[in-house]
Amino acid sequence: MSEGPRDGDGQALAKRAYATFAERYDRDAPTKPHNALYERPASLELLGDVAGLEVLDAGCGPGIVSQILANAGAHVRAFDVTPEMVALARRRCEGLDVAVREADFSHPLDWVADESVDRVVCSLALDYVERLEPVFREFARVTRAGGMLVFSMGHPMRDWMDPRTHGGKSYFEINRWGMHWTGFGEPNPYVESYRRPLQDILNPLVAAGWRLDRFVEPLPAPEMETVDPRHFAELSHAPGFICVRACK
């Protein structure tokens, strides 16, 4: 087994933040336009047909993607660092072919055997990880030859252009930043994450043994224009996330 990820702060950023509004996230994220009509469709399209496949949902949150994948015929193993999210994912996926556990990106996934999954999906979770290469290596270890990794993150250029995000640092630096999110009700949760240049996402991916297959800067689904016209216009002009597919 390869050496697992090491990160001095672990995933404490995600655990601290999401524990404070897990129920609200579980309630709103299934239909929130940025998720349901923007990032999630793009990531699922990259993932493709999963019927009969072993899929690892890394950083599963309240199990929204796990539920979708299981209903599409996948055998899903899922994990999250936040105990409240693990409980919500188990509740959401009850009766489905989904096994959910608490685990941290900063430790080896030693409960997943070498080359035992066909797909890894990681939706908007890697922004809370400081060092990506060890995580990508661990994903590669558990994935069979010919398997795929699909992940999404904040768009590096979009985040750097926002003065709230770059913290006065250059585009080329990795910086930790935080802000109060307004999309999940009161009290507004304070969420910290890492912003990094694109090269510090793609180069660690390749160094970990993955081959970049497709890079997507998604457009919002047409339905978003009706339910959230302001963000539809914004995301039609400039992307907020990136979605990446890599092959082993």
Foldseek 3Di string as FASTA:
>chain_A
DDFAAADPCFLVQCQVQCVVQLVLCLVPQCPPQCRPFWQPVVLVVLQPQAAPFEEEEEQCFLQNVVQVNQVSHHQYEYEHQHPSRQVNNCVVQPPTNYHYDYDTRRHAPVVAAFQAGQEYEYEARCQSPDACLSSLLSVNRRHHAFGKYKYKHWAQVVQCVDCQRVVPDDSADKDKGWDFDDPRDPPGTIGIGIHHHPCSVVVSNVVSPWAWDDKDQIQTHPVCCVVPVVVNVVCNVPGGMMMTMIGD
